[in-house]
Amino acid sequence: DVAAKKAKMDAVLAALTEEQAQQW
């Protein structure tokens, strides 16, 4: 469950700006 959650979050992070993603 959490592995799938991580994959989903990573996909959204990849679409953010570098500065926005760096915060996380």
PDBML (XML) file of the C-alpha atoms, coordinates in Angstrom:
<?xml version="1.0" encoding="UTF-8" ?>
<PDBx:datablock datablockName="MODEL"
   xmlns:PDBx="http://pdbml.pdb.org/schema/pdbx-v50.xsd"
   xmlns:xsi="http://www.w3.org/2001/XMLSchema-instance"
   xsi:schemaLocation="http://pdbml.pdb.org/schema/pdbx-v50.xsd pdbx-v50.xsd">
   <PDBx:atom_siteCategory>
      <PDBx:atom_site id="1">
         <PDBx:B_iso_or_equiv>0.00</PDBx:B_iso_or_equiv>
         <PDBx:Cartn_x>0.000</PDBx:Cartn_x>
         <PDBx:Cartn_y>0.000</PDBx:Cartn_y>
         <PDBx:Cartn_z>0.000</PDBx:Cartn_z>
         <PDBx:auth_asym_id>A</PDBx:auth_asym_id>
         <PDBx:auth_atom_id>CA</PDBx:auth_atom_id>
         <PDBx:auth_comp_id>ASP</PDBx:auth_comp_id>
         <PDBx:auth_seq_id>1</PDBx:auth_seq_id>
         <PDBx:group_PDB>ATOM</PDBx:group_PDB>
         <PDBx:label_alt_id xsi:nil="true" />
         <PDBx:label_asym_id>A</PDBx:label_asym_id>
         <PDBx:label_atom_id>CA</PDBx:label_atom_id>
         <PDBx:label_comp_id>ASP</PDBx:label_comp_id>
         <PDBx:label_entity_id>1</PDBx:label_entity_id>
         <PDBx:label_seq_id>1</PDBx:label_seq_id>
         <PDBx:occupancy>1.00</PDBx:occupancy>
         <PDBx:pdbx_PDB_model_num>1</PDBx:pdbx_PDB_model_num>
         <PDBx:type_symbol>C</PDBx:type_symbol>
      </PDBx:atom_site>
      <PDBx:atom_site id="2">
         <PDBx:B_iso_or_equiv>0.00</PDBx:B_iso_or_equiv>
         <PDBx:Cartn_x>2.678</PDBx:Cartn_x>
         <PDBx:Cartn_y>2.485</PDBx:Cartn_y>
         <PDBx:Cartn_z>0.987</PDBx:Cartn_z>
         <PDBx:auth_asym_id>A</PDBx:auth_asym_id>
         <PDBx:auth_atom_id>CA</PDBx:auth_atom_id>
         <PDBx:auth_comp_id>VAL</PDBx:auth_comp_id>
         <PDBx:auth_seq_id>2</PDBx:auth_seq_id>
         <PDBx:group_PDB>ATOM</PDBx:group_PDB>
         <PDBx:label_alt_id xsi:nil="true" />
         <PDBx:label_asym_id>A</PDBx:label_asym_id>
         <PDBx:label_atom_id>CA</PDBx:label_atom_id>
         <PDBx:label_comp_id>VAL</PDBx:label_comp_id>
         <PDBx:label_entity_id>1</PDBx:label_entity_id>
         <PDBx:label_seq_id>2</PDBx:label_seq_id>
         <PDBx:occupancy>1.00</PDBx:occupancy>
         <PDBx:pdbx_PDB_model_num>1</PDBx:pdbx_PDB_model_num>
         <PDBx:type_symbol>C</PDBx:type_symbol>
      </PDBx:atom_site>
      <PDBx:atom_site id="3">
         <PDBx:B_iso_or_equiv>0.00</PDBx:B_iso_or_equiv>
         <PDBx:Cartn_x>4.891</PDBx:Cartn_x>
         <PDBx:Cartn_y>1.477</PDBx:Cartn_y>
         <PDBx:Cartn_z>-1.955</PDBx:Cartn_z>
         <PDBx:auth_asym_id>A</PDBx:auth_asym_id>
         <PDBx:auth_atom_id>CA</PDBx:auth_atom_id>
         <PDBx:auth_comp_id>ALA</PDBx:auth_comp_id>
         <PDBx:auth_seq_id>3</PDBx:auth_seq_id>
         <PDBx:group_PDB>ATOM</PDBx:group_PDB>
         <PDBx:label_alt_id xsi:nil="true" />
         <PDBx:label_asym_id>A</PDBx:label_asym_id>
         <PDBx:label_atom_id>CA</PDBx:label_atom_id>
         <PDBx:label_comp_id>ALA</PDBx:label_comp_id>
         <PDBx:label_entity_id>1</PDBx:label_entity_id>
         <PDBx:label_seq_id>3</PDBx:label_seq_id>
         <PDBx:occupancy>1.00</PDBx:occupancy>
         <PDBx:pdbx_PDB_model_num>1</PDBx:pdbx_PDB_model_num>
         <PDBx:type_symbol>C</PDBx:type_symbol>
      </PDBx:atom_site>
      <PDBx:atom_site id="4">
         <PDBx:B_iso_or_equiv>0.00</PDBx:B_iso_or_equiv>
         <PDBx:Cartn_x>2.014</PDBx:Cartn_x>
         <PDBx:Cartn_y>2.304</PDBx:Cartn_y>
         <PDBx:Cartn_z>-4.309</PDBx:Cartn_z>
         <PDBx:auth_asym_id>A</PDBx:auth_asym_id>
         <PDBx:auth_atom_id>CA</PDBx:auth_atom_id>
         <PDBx:auth_comp_id>ALA</PDBx:auth_comp_id>
         <PDBx:auth_seq_id>4</PDBx:auth_seq_id>
         <PDBx:group_PDB>ATOM</PDBx:group_PDB>
         <PDBx:label_alt_id xsi:nil="true" />
         <PDBx:label_asym_id>A</PDBx:label_asym_id>
         <PDBx:label_atom_id>CA</PDBx:label_atom_id>
         <PDBx:label_comp_id>ALA</PDBx:label_comp_id>
         <PDBx:label_entity_id>1</PDBx:label_entity_id>
         <PDBx:label_seq_id>4</PDBx:label_seq_id>
         <PDBx:occupancy>1.00</PDBx:occupancy>
         <PDBx:pdbx_PDB_model_num>1</PDBx:pdbx_PDB_model_num>
         <PDBx:type_symbol>C</PDBx:type_symbol>
      </PDBx:atom_site>
      <PDBx:atom_site id="5">
         <PDBx:B_iso_or_equiv>0.00</PDBx:B_iso_or_equiv>
         <PDBx:Cartn_x>1.420</PDBx:Cartn_x>
         <PDBx:Cartn_y>5.542</PDBx:Cartn_y>
         <PDBx:Cartn_z>-2.394</PDBx:Cartn_z>
         <PDBx:auth_asym_id>A</PDBx:auth_asym_id>
         <PDBx:auth_atom_id>CA</PDBx:auth_atom_id>
         <PDBx:auth_comp_id>LYS</PDBx:auth_comp_id>
         <PDBx:auth_seq_id>5</PDBx:auth_seq_id>
         <PDBx:group_PDB>ATOM</PDBx:group_PDB>
         <PDBx:label_alt_id xsi:nil="true" />
         <PDBx:label_asym_id>A</PDBx:label_asym_id>
         <PDBx:label_atom_id>CA</PDBx:label_atom_id>
         <PDBx:label_comp_id>LYS</PDBx:label_comp_id>
         <PDBx:label_entity_id>1</PDBx:label_entity_id>
         <PDBx:label_seq_id>5</PDBx:label_seq_id>
         <PDBx:occupancy>1.00</PDBx:occupancy>
         <PDBx:pdbx_PDB_model_num>1</PDBx:pdbx_PDB_model_num>
         <PDBx:type_symbol>C</PDBx:type_symbol>
      </PDBx:atom_site>
      <PDBx:atom_site id="6">
         <PDBx:B_iso_or_equiv>0.00</PDBx:B_iso_or_equiv>
         <PDBx:Cartn_x>5.064</PDBx:Cartn_x>
         <PDBx:Cartn_y>6.487</PDBx:Cartn_y>
         <PDBx:Cartn_z>-2.817</PDBx:Cartn_z>
         <PDBx:auth_asym_id>A</PDBx:auth_asym_id>
         <PDBx:auth_atom_id>CA</PDBx:auth_atom_id>
         <PDBx:auth_comp_id>LYS</PDBx:auth_comp_id>
         <PDBx:auth_seq_id>6</PDBx:auth_seq_id>
         <PDBx:group_PDB>ATOM</PDBx:group_PDB>
         <PDBx:label_alt_id xsi:nil="true" />
         <PDBx:label_asym_id>A</PDBx:label_asym_id>
         <PDBx:label_atom_id>CA</PDBx:label_atom_id>
         <PDBx:label_comp_id>LYS</PDBx:label_comp_id>
         <PDBx:label_entity_id>1</PDBx:label_entity_id>
         <PDBx:label_seq_id>6</PDBx:label_seq_id>
         <PDBx:occupancy>1.00</PDBx:occupancy>
         <PDBx:pdbx_PDB_model_num>1</PDBx:pdbx_PDB_model_num>
         <PDBx:type_symbol>C</PDBx:type_symbol>
      </PDBx:atom_site>
      <PDBx:atom_site id="7">
         <PDBx:B_iso_or_equiv>0.00</PDBx:B_iso_or_equiv>
         <PDBx:Cartn_x>4.907</PDBx:Cartn_x>
         <PDBx:Cartn_y>5.798</PDBx:Cartn_y>
         <PDBx:Cartn_z>-6.557</PDBx:Cartn_z>
         <PDBx:auth_asym_id>A</PDBx:auth_asym_id>
         <PDBx:auth_atom_id>CA</PDBx:auth_atom_id>
         <PDBx:auth_comp_id>ALA</PDBx:auth_comp_id>
         <PDBx:auth_seq_id>7</PDBx:auth_seq_id>
         <PDBx:group_PDB>ATOM</PDBx:group_PDB>
         <PDBx:label_alt_id xsi:nil="true" />
         <PDBx:label_asym_id>A</PDBx:label_asym_id>
         <PDBx:label_atom_id>CA</PDBx:label_atom_id>
         <PDBx:label_comp_id>ALA</PDBx:label_comp_id>
         <PDBx:label_entity_id>1</PDBx:label_entity_id>
         <PDBx:label_seq_id>7</PDBx:label_seq_id>
         <PDBx:occupancy>1.00</PDBx:occupancy>
         <PDBx:pdbx_PDB_model_num>1</PDBx:pdbx_PDB_model_num>
         <PDBx:type_symbol>C</PDBx:type_symbol>
      </PDBx:atom_site>
      <PDBx:atom_site id="8">
         <PDBx:B_iso_or_equiv>0.00</PDBx:B_iso_or_equiv>
         <PDBx:Cartn_x>1.862</PDBx:Cartn_x>
         <PDBx:Cartn_y>8.058</PDBx:Cartn_y>
         <PDBx:Cartn_z>-6.876</PDBx:Cartn_z>
         <PDBx:auth_asym_id>A</PDBx:auth_asym_id>
         <PDBx:auth_atom_id>CA</PDBx:auth_atom_id>
         <PDBx:auth_comp_id>LYS</PDBx:auth_comp_id>
         <PDBx:auth_seq_id>8</PDBx:auth_seq_id>
         <PDBx:group_PDB>ATOM</PDBx:group_PDB>
         <PDBx:label_alt_id xsi:nil="true" />
         <PDBx:label_asym_id>A</PDBx:label_asym_id>
         <PDBx:label_atom_id>CA</PDBx:label_atom_id>
         <PDBx:label_comp_id>LYS</PDBx:label_comp_id>
         <PDBx:label_entity_id>1</PDBx:label_entity_id>
         <PDBx:label_seq_id>8</PDBx:label_seq_id>
         <PDBx:occupancy>1.00</PDBx:occupancy>
         <PDBx:pdbx_PDB_model_num>1</PDBx:pdbx_PDB_model_num>
         <PDBx:type_symbol>C</PDBx:type_symbol>
      </PDBx:atom_site>
      <PDBx:atom_site id="9">
         <PDBx:B_iso_or_equiv>0.00</PDBx:B_iso_or_equiv>
         <PDBx:Cartn_x>3.470</PDBx:Cartn_x>
         <PDBx:Cartn_y>10.852</PDBx:Cartn_y>
         <PDBx:Cartn_z>-4.842</PDBx:Cartn_z>
         <PDBx:auth_asym_id>A</PDBx:auth_asym_id>
         <PDBx:auth_atom_id>CA</PDBx:auth_atom_id>
         <PDBx:auth_comp_id>MET</PDBx:auth_comp_id>
         <PDBx:auth_seq_id>9</PDBx:auth_seq_id>
         <PDBx:group_PDB>ATOM</PDBx:group_PDB>
         <PDBx:label_alt_id xsi:nil="true" />
         <PDBx:label_asym_id>A</PDBx:label_asym_id>
         <PDBx:label_atom_id>CA</PDBx:label_atom_id>
         <PDBx:label_comp_id>MET</PDBx:label_comp_id>
         <PDBx:label_entity_id>1</PDBx:label_entity_id>
         <PDBx:label_seq_id>9</PDBx:label_seq_id>
         <PDBx:occupancy>1.00</PDBx:occupancy>
         <PDBx:pdbx_PDB_model_num>1</PDBx:pdbx_PDB_model_num>
         <PDBx:type_symbol>C</PDBx:type_symbol>
      </PDBx:atom_site>
      <PDBx:atom_site id="10">
         <PDBx:B_iso_or_equiv>0.00</PDBx:B_iso_or_equiv>
         <PDBx:Cartn_x>6.719</PDBx:Cartn_x>
         <PDBx:Cartn_y>10.555</PDBx:Cartn_y>
         <PDBx:Cartn_z>-6.813</PDBx:Cartn_z>
         <PDBx:auth_asym_id>A</PDBx:auth_asym_id>
         <PDBx:auth_atom_id>CA</PDBx:auth_atom_id>
         <PDBx:auth_comp_id>ASP</PDBx:auth_comp_id>
         <PDBx:auth_seq_id>10</PDBx:auth_seq_id>
         <PDBx:group_PDB>ATOM</PDBx:group_PDB>
         <PDBx:label_alt_id xsi:nil="true" />
         <PDBx:label_asym_id>A</PDBx:label_asym_id>
         <PDBx:label_atom_id>CA</PDBx:label_atom_id>
         <PDBx:label_comp_id>ASP</PDBx:label_comp_id>
         <PDBx:label_entity_id>1</PDBx:label_entity_id>
         <PDBx:label_seq_id>10</PDBx:label_seq_id>
         <PDBx:occupancy>1.00</PDBx:occupancy>
         <PDBx:pdbx_PDB_model_num>1</PDBx:pdbx_PDB_model_num>
         <PDBx:type_symbol>C</PDBx:type_symbol>
      </PDBx:atom_site>
      <PDBx:atom_site id="11">
         <PDBx:B_iso_or_equiv>0.00</PDBx:B_iso_or_equiv>
         <PDBx:Cartn_x>4.811</PDBx:Cartn_x>
         <PDBx:Cartn_y>10.909</PDBx:Cartn_y>
         <PDBx:Cartn_z>-10.071</PDBx:Cartn_z>
         <PDBx:auth_asym_id>A</PDBx:auth_asym_id>
         <PDBx:auth_atom_id>CA</PDBx:auth_atom_id>
         <PDBx:auth_comp_id>ALA</PDBx:auth_comp_id>
         <PDBx:auth_seq_id>11</PDBx:auth_seq_id>
         <PDBx:group_PDB>ATOM</PDBx:group_PDB>
         <PDBx:label_alt_id xsi:nil="true" />
         <PDBx:label_asym_id>A</PDBx:label_asym_id>
         <PDBx:label_atom_id>CA</PDBx:label_atom_id>
         <PDBx:label_comp_id>ALA</PDBx:label_comp_id>
         <PDBx:label_entity_id>1</PDBx:label_entity_id>
         <PDBx:label_seq_id>11</PDBx:label_seq_id>
         <PDBx:occupancy>1.00</PDBx:occupancy>
         <PDBx:pdbx_PDB_model_num>1</PDBx:pdbx_PDB_model_num>
         <PDBx:type_symbol>C</PDBx:type_symbol>
      </PDBx:atom_site>
      <PDBx:atom_site id="12">
         <PDBx:B_iso_or_equiv>0.00</PDBx:B_iso_or_equiv>
         <PDBx:Cartn_x>3.211</PDBx:Cartn_x>
         <PDBx:Cartn_y>14.140</PDBx:Cartn_y>
         <PDBx:Cartn_z>-8.869</PDBx:Cartn_z>
         <PDBx:auth_asym_id>A</PDBx:auth_asym_id>
         <PDBx:auth_atom_id>CA</PDBx:auth_atom_id>
         <PDBx:auth_comp_id>VAL</PDBx:auth_comp_id>
         <PDBx:auth_seq_id>12</PDBx:auth_seq_id>
         <PDBx:group_PDB>ATOM</PDBx:group_PDB>
         <PDBx:label_alt_id xsi:nil="true" />
         <PDBx:label_asym_id>A</PDBx:label_asym_id>
         <PDBx:label_atom_id>CA</PDBx:label_atom_id>
         <PDBx:label_comp_id>VAL</PDBx:label_comp_id>
         <PDBx:label_entity_id>1</PDBx:label_entity_id>
         <PDBx:label_seq_id>12</PDBx:label_seq_id>
         <PDBx:occupancy>1.00</PDBx:occupancy>
         <PDBx:pdbx_PDB_model_num>1</PDBx:pdbx_PDB_model_num>
         <PDBx:type_symbol>C</PDBx:type_symbol>
      </PDBx:atom_site>
      <PDBx:atom_site id="13">
         <PDBx:B_iso_or_equiv>0.00</PDBx:B_iso_or_equiv>
         <PDBx:Cartn_x>6.549</PDBx:Cartn_x>
         <PDBx:Cartn_y>15.413</PDBx:Cartn_y>
         <PDBx:Cartn_z>-7.542</PDBx:Cartn_z>
         <PDBx:auth_asym_id>A</PDBx:auth_asym_id>
         <PDBx:auth_atom_id>CA</PDBx:auth_atom_id>
         <PDBx:auth_comp_id>LEU</PDBx:auth_comp_id>
         <PDBx:auth_seq_id>13</PDBx:auth_seq_id>
         <PDBx:group_PDB>ATOM</PDBx:group_PDB>
         <PDBx:label_alt_id xsi:nil="true" />
         <PDBx:label_asym_id>A</PDBx:label_asym_id>
         <PDBx:label_atom_id>CA</PDBx:label_atom_id>
         <PDBx:label_comp_id>LEU</PDBx:label_comp_id>
         <PDBx:label_entity_id>1</PDBx:label_entity_id>
         <PDBx:label_seq_id>13</PDBx:label_seq_id>
         <PDBx:occupancy>1.00</PDBx:occupancy>
         <PDBx:pdbx_PDB_model_num>1</PDBx:pdbx_PDB_model_num>
         <PDBx:type_symbol>C</PDBx:type_symbol>
      </PDBx:atom_site>
      <PDBx:atom_site id="14">
         <PDBx:B_iso_or_equiv>0.00</PDBx:B_iso_or_equiv>
         <PDBx:Cartn_x>8.122</PDBx:Cartn_x>
         <PDBx:Cartn_y>14.813</PDBx:Cartn_y>
         <PDBx:Cartn_z>-10.941</PDBx:Cartn_z>
         <PDBx:auth_asym_id>A</PDBx:auth_asym_id>
         <PDBx:auth_atom_id>CA</PDBx:auth_atom_id>
         <PDBx:auth_comp_id>ALA</PDBx:auth_comp_id>
         <PDBx:auth_seq_id>14</PDBx:auth_seq_id>
         <PDBx:group_PDB>ATOM</PDBx:group_PDB>
         <PDBx:label_alt_id xsi:nil="true" />
         <PDBx:label_asym_id>A</PDBx:label_asym_id>
         <PDBx:label_atom_id>CA</PDBx:label_atom_id>
         <PDBx:label_comp_id>ALA</PDBx:label_comp_id>
         <PDBx:label_entity_id>1</PDBx:label_entity_id>
         <PDBx:label_seq_id>14</PDBx:label_seq_id>
         <PDBx:occupancy>1.00</PDBx:occupancy>
         <PDBx:pdbx_PDB_model_num>1</PDBx:pdbx_PDB_model_num>
         <PDBx:type_symbol>C</PDBx:type_symbol>
      </PDBx:atom_site>
      <PDBx:atom_site id="15">
         <PDBx:B_iso_or_equiv>0.00</PDBx:B_iso_or_equiv>
         <PDBx:Cartn_x>5.613</PDBx:Cartn_x>
         <PDBx:Cartn_y>17.205</PDBx:Cartn_y>
         <PDBx:Cartn_z>-12.502</PDBx:Cartn_z>
         <PDBx:auth_asym_id>A</PDBx:auth_asym_id>
         <PDBx:auth_atom_id>CA</PDBx:auth_atom_id>
         <PDBx:auth_comp_id>ALA</PDBx:auth_comp_id>
         <PDBx:auth_seq_id>15</PDBx:auth_seq_id>
         <PDBx:group_PDB>ATOM</PDBx:group_PDB>
         <PDBx:label_alt_id xsi:nil="true" />
         <PDBx:label_asym_id>A</PDBx:label_asym_id>
         <PDBx:label_atom_id>CA</PDBx:label_atom_id>
         <PDBx:label_comp_id>ALA</PDBx:label_comp_id>
         <PDBx:label_entity_id>1</PDBx:label_entity_id>
         <PDBx:label_seq_id>15</PDBx:label_seq_id>
         <PDBx:occupancy>1.00</PDBx:occupancy>
         <PDBx:pdbx_PDB_model_num>1</PDBx:pdbx_PDB_model_num>
         <PDBx:type_symbol>C</PDBx:type_symbol>
      </PDBx:atom_site>
      <PDBx:atom_site id="16">
         <PDBx:B_iso_or_equiv>0.00</PDBx:B_iso_or_equiv>
         <PDBx:Cartn_x>6.412</PDBx:Cartn_x>
         <PDBx:Cartn_y>20.036</PDBx:Cartn_y>
         <PDBx:Cartn_z>-10.064</PDBx:Cartn_z>
         <PDBx:auth_asym_id>A</PDBx:auth_asym_id>
         <PDBx:auth_atom_id>CA</PDBx:auth_atom_id>
         <PDBx:auth_comp_id>LEU</PDBx:auth_comp_id>
         <PDBx:auth_seq_id>16</PDBx:auth_seq_id>
         <PDBx:group_PDB>ATOM</PDBx:group_PDB>
         <PDBx:label_alt_id xsi:nil="true" />
         <PDBx:label_asym_id>A</PDBx:label_asym_id>
         <PDBx:label_atom_id>CA</PDBx:label_atom_id>
         <PDBx:label_comp_id>LEU</PDBx:label_comp_id>
         <PDBx:label_entity_id>1</PDBx:label_entity_id>
         <PDBx:label_seq_id>16</PDBx:label_seq_id>
         <PDBx:occupancy>1.00</PDBx:occupancy>
         <PDBx:pdbx_PDB_model_num>1</PDBx:pdbx_PDB_model_num>
         <PDBx:type_symbol>C</PDBx:type_symbol>
      </PDBx:atom_site>
      <PDBx:atom_site id="17">
         <PDBx:B_iso_or_equiv>0.00</PDBx:B_iso_or_equiv>
         <PDBx:Cartn_x>9.070</PDBx:Cartn_x>
         <PDBx:Cartn_y>22.664</PDBx:Cartn_y>
         <PDBx:Cartn_z>-10.585</PDBx:Cartn_z>
         <PDBx:auth_asym_id>A</PDBx:auth_asym_id>
         <PDBx:auth_atom_id>CA</PDBx:auth_atom_id>
         <PDBx:auth_comp_id>THR</PDBx:auth_comp_id>
         <PDBx:auth_seq_id>17</PDBx:auth_seq_id>
         <PDBx:group_PDB>ATOM</PDBx:group_PDB>
         <PDBx:label_alt_id xsi:nil="true" />
         <PDBx:label_asym_id>A</PDBx:label_asym_id>
         <PDBx:label_atom_id>CA</PDBx:label_atom_id>
         <PDBx:label_comp_id>THR</PDBx:label_comp_id>
         <PDBx:label_entity_id>1</PDBx:label_entity_id>
         <PDBx:label_seq_id>17</PDBx:label_seq_id>
         <PDBx:occupancy>1.00</PDBx:occupancy>
         <PDBx:pdbx_PDB_model_num>1</PDBx:pdbx_PDB_model_num>
         <PDBx:type_symbol>C</PDBx:type_symbol>
      </PDBx:atom_site>
      <PDBx:atom_site id="18">
         <PDBx:B_iso_or_equiv>0.00</PDBx:B_iso_or_equiv>
         <PDBx:Cartn_x>12.519</PDBx:Cartn_x>
         <PDBx:Cartn_y>21.791</PDBx:Cartn_y>
         <PDBx:Cartn_z>-9.280</PDBx:Cartn_z>
         <PDBx:auth_asym_id>A</PDBx:auth_asym_id>
         <PDBx:auth_atom_id>CA</PDBx:auth_atom_id>
         <PDBx:auth_comp_id>GLU</PDBx:auth_comp_id>
         <PDBx:auth_seq_id>18</PDBx:auth_seq_id>
         <PDBx:group_PDB>ATOM</PDBx:group_PDB>
         <PDBx:label_alt_id xsi:nil="true" />
         <PDBx:label_asym_id>A</PDBx:label_asym_id>
         <PDBx:label_atom_id>CA</PDBx:label_atom_id>
         <PDBx:label_comp_id>GLU</PDBx:label_comp_id>
         <PDBx:label_entity_id>1</PDBx:label_entity_id>
         <PDBx:label_seq_id>18</PDBx:label_seq_id>
         <PDBx:occupancy>1.00</PDBx:occupancy>
         <PDBx:pdbx_PDB_model_num>1</PDBx:pdbx_PDB_model_num>
         <PDBx:type_symbol>C</PDBx:type_symbol>
      </PDBx:atom_site>
      <PDBx:atom_site id="19">
         <PDBx:B_iso_or_equiv>0.00</PDBx:B_iso_or_equiv>
         <PDBx:Cartn_x>12.126</PDBx:Cartn_x>
         <PDBx:Cartn_y>24.307</PDBx:Cartn_y>
         <PDBx:Cartn_z>-6.454</PDBx:Cartn_z>
         <PDBx:auth_asym_id>A</PDBx:auth_asym_id>
         <PDBx:auth_atom_id>CA</PDBx:auth_atom_id>
         <PDBx:auth_comp_id>GLU</PDBx:auth_comp_id>
         <PDBx:auth_seq_id>19</PDBx:auth_seq_id>
         <PDBx:group_PDB>ATOM</PDBx:group_PDB>
         <PDBx:label_alt_id xsi:nil="true" />
         <PDBx:label_asym_id>A</PDBx:label_asym_id>
         <PDBx:label_atom_id>CA</PDBx:label_atom_id>
         <PDBx:label_comp_id>GLU</PDBx:label_comp_id>
         <PDBx:label_entity_id>1</PDBx:label_entity_id>
         <PDBx:label_seq_id>19</PDBx:label_seq_id>
         <PDBx:occupancy>1.00</PDBx:occupancy>
         <PDBx:pdbx_PDB_model_num>1</PDBx:pdbx_PDB_model_num>
         <PDBx:type_symbol>C</PDBx:type_symbol>
      </PDBx:atom_site>
      <PDBx:atom_site id="20">
         <PDBx:B_iso_or_equiv>0.00</PDBx:B_iso_or_equiv>
         <PDBx:Cartn_x>8.727</PDBx:Cartn_x>
         <PDBx:Cartn_y>22.926</PDBx:Cartn_y>
         <PDBx:Cartn_z>-5.431</PDBx:Cartn_z>
         <PDBx:auth_asym_id>A</PDBx:auth_asym_id>
         <PDBx:auth_atom_id>CA</PDBx:auth_atom_id>
         <PDBx:auth_comp_id>GLN</PDBx:auth_comp_id>
         <PDBx:auth_seq_id>20</PDBx:auth_seq_id>
         <PDBx:group_PDB>ATOM</PDBx:group_PDB>
         <PDBx:label_alt_id xsi:nil="true" />
         <PDBx:label_asym_id>A</PDBx:label_asym_id>
         <PDBx:label_atom_id>CA</PDBx:label_atom_id>
         <PDBx:label_comp_id>GLN</PDBx:label_comp_id>
         <PDBx:label_entity_id>1</PDBx:label_entity_id>
         <PDBx:label_seq_id>20</PDBx:label_seq_id>
         <PDBx:occupancy>1.00</PDBx:occupancy>
         <PDBx:pdbx_PDB_model_num>1</PDBx:pdbx_PDB_model_num>
         <PDBx:type_symbol>C</PDBx:type_symbol>
      </PDBx:atom_site>
      <PDBx:atom_site id="21">
         <PDBx:B_iso_or_equiv>0.00</PDBx:B_iso_or_equiv>
         <PDBx:Cartn_x>9.934</PDBx:Cartn_x>
         <PDBx:Cartn_y>19.334</PDBx:Cartn_y>
         <PDBx:Cartn_z>-5.501</PDBx:Cartn_z>
         <PDBx:auth_asym_id>A</PDBx:auth_asym_id>
         <PDBx:auth_atom_id>CA</PDBx:auth_atom_id>
         <PDBx:auth_comp_id>ALA</PDBx:auth_comp_id>
         <PDBx:auth_seq_id>21</PDBx:auth_seq_id>
         <PDBx:group_PDB>ATOM</PDBx:group_PDB>
         <PDBx:label_alt_id xsi:nil="true" />
         <PDBx:label_asym_id>A</PDBx:label_asym_id>
         <PDBx:label_atom_id>CA</PDBx:label_atom_id>
         <PDBx:label_comp_id>ALA</PDBx:label_comp_id>
         <PDBx:label_entity_id>1</PDBx:label_entity_id>
         <PDBx:label_seq_id>21</PDBx:label_seq_id>
         <PDBx:occupancy>1.00</PDBx:occupancy>
         <PDBx:pdbx_PDB_model_num>1</PDBx:pdbx_PDB_model_num>
         <PDBx:type_symbol>C</PDBx:type_symbol>
      </PDBx:atom_site>
      <PDBx:atom_site id="22">
         <PDBx:B_iso_or_equiv>0.00</PDBx:B_iso_or_equiv>
         <PDBx:Cartn_x>13.101</PDBx:Cartn_x>
         <PDBx:Cartn_y>20.168</PDBx:Cartn_y>
         <PDBx:Cartn_z>-3.562</PDBx:Cartn_z>
         <PDBx:auth_asym_id>A</PDBx:auth_asym_id>
         <PDBx:auth_atom_id>CA</PDBx:auth_atom_id>
         <PDBx:auth_comp_id>GLN</PDBx:auth_comp_id>
         <PDBx:auth_seq_id>22</PDBx:auth_seq_id>
         <PDBx:group_PDB>ATOM</PDBx:group_PDB>
         <PDBx:label_alt_id xsi:nil="true" />
         <PDBx:label_asym_id>A</PDBx:label_asym_id>
         <PDBx:label_atom_id>CA</PDBx:label_atom_id>
         <PDBx:label_comp_id>GLN</PDBx:label_comp_id>
         <PDBx:label_entity_id>1</PDBx:label_entity_id>
         <PDBx:label_seq_id>22</PDBx:label_seq_id>
         <PDBx:occupancy>1.00</PDBx:occupancy>
         <PDBx:pdbx_PDB_model_num>1</PDBx:pdbx_PDB_model_num>
         <PDBx:type_symbol>C</PDBx:type_symbol>
      </PDBx:atom_site>
      <PDBx:atom_site id="23">
         <PDBx:B_iso_or_equiv>0.00</PDBx:B_iso_or_equiv>
         <PDBx:Cartn_x>10.992</PDBx:Cartn_x>
         <PDBx:Cartn_y>21.252</PDBx:Cartn_y>
         <PDBx:Cartn_z>-0.580</PDBx:Cartn_z>
         <PDBx:auth_asym_id>A</PDBx:auth_asym_id>
         <PDBx:auth_atom_id>CA</PDBx:auth_atom_id>
         <PDBx:auth_comp_id>GLN</PDBx:auth_comp_id>
         <PDBx:auth_seq_id>23</PDBx:auth_seq_id>
         <PDBx:group_PDB>ATOM</PDBx:group_PDB>
         <PDBx:label_alt_id xsi:nil="true" />
         <PDBx:label_asym_id>A</PDBx:label_asym_id>
         <PDBx:label_atom_id>CA</PDBx:label_atom_id>
         <PDBx:label_comp_id>GLN</PDBx:label_comp_id>
         <PDBx:label_entity_id>1</PDBx:label_entity_id>
         <PDBx:label_seq_id>23</PDBx:label_seq_id>
         <PDBx:occupancy>1.00</PDBx:occupancy>
         <PDBx:pdbx_PDB_model_num>1</PDBx:pdbx_PDB_model_num>
         <PDBx:type_symbol>C</PDBx:type_symbol>
      </PDBx:atom_site>
      <PDBx:atom_site id="24">
         <PDBx:B_iso_or_equiv>0.00</PDBx:B_iso_or_equiv>
         <PDBx:Cartn_x>9.886</PDBx:Cartn_x>
         <PDBx:Cartn_y>17.650</PDBx:Cartn_y>
         <PDBx:Cartn_z>-0.089</PDBx:Cartn_z>
         <PDBx:auth_asym_id>A</PDBx:auth_asym_id>
         <PDBx:auth_atom_id>CA</PDBx:auth_atom_id>
         <PDBx:auth_comp_id>TRP</PDBx:auth_comp_id>
         <PDBx:auth_seq_id>24</PDBx:auth_seq_id>
         <PDBx:group_PDB>ATOM</PDBx:group_PDB>
         <PDBx:label_alt_id xsi:nil="true" />
         <PDBx:label_asym_id>A</PDBx:label_asym_id>
         <PDBx:label_atom_id>CA</PDBx:label_atom_id>
         <PDBx:label_comp_id>TRP</PDBx:label_comp_id>
         <PDBx:label_entity_id>1</PDBx:label_entity_id>
         <PDBx:label_seq_id>24</PDBx:label_seq_id>
         <PDBx:occupancy>1.00</PDBx:occupancy>
         <PDBx:pdbx_PDB_model_num>1</PDBx:pdbx_PDB_model_num>
         <PDBx:type_symbol>C</PDBx:type_symbol>
      </PDBx:atom_site>
   </PDBx:atom_siteCategory>
</PDBx:datablock>
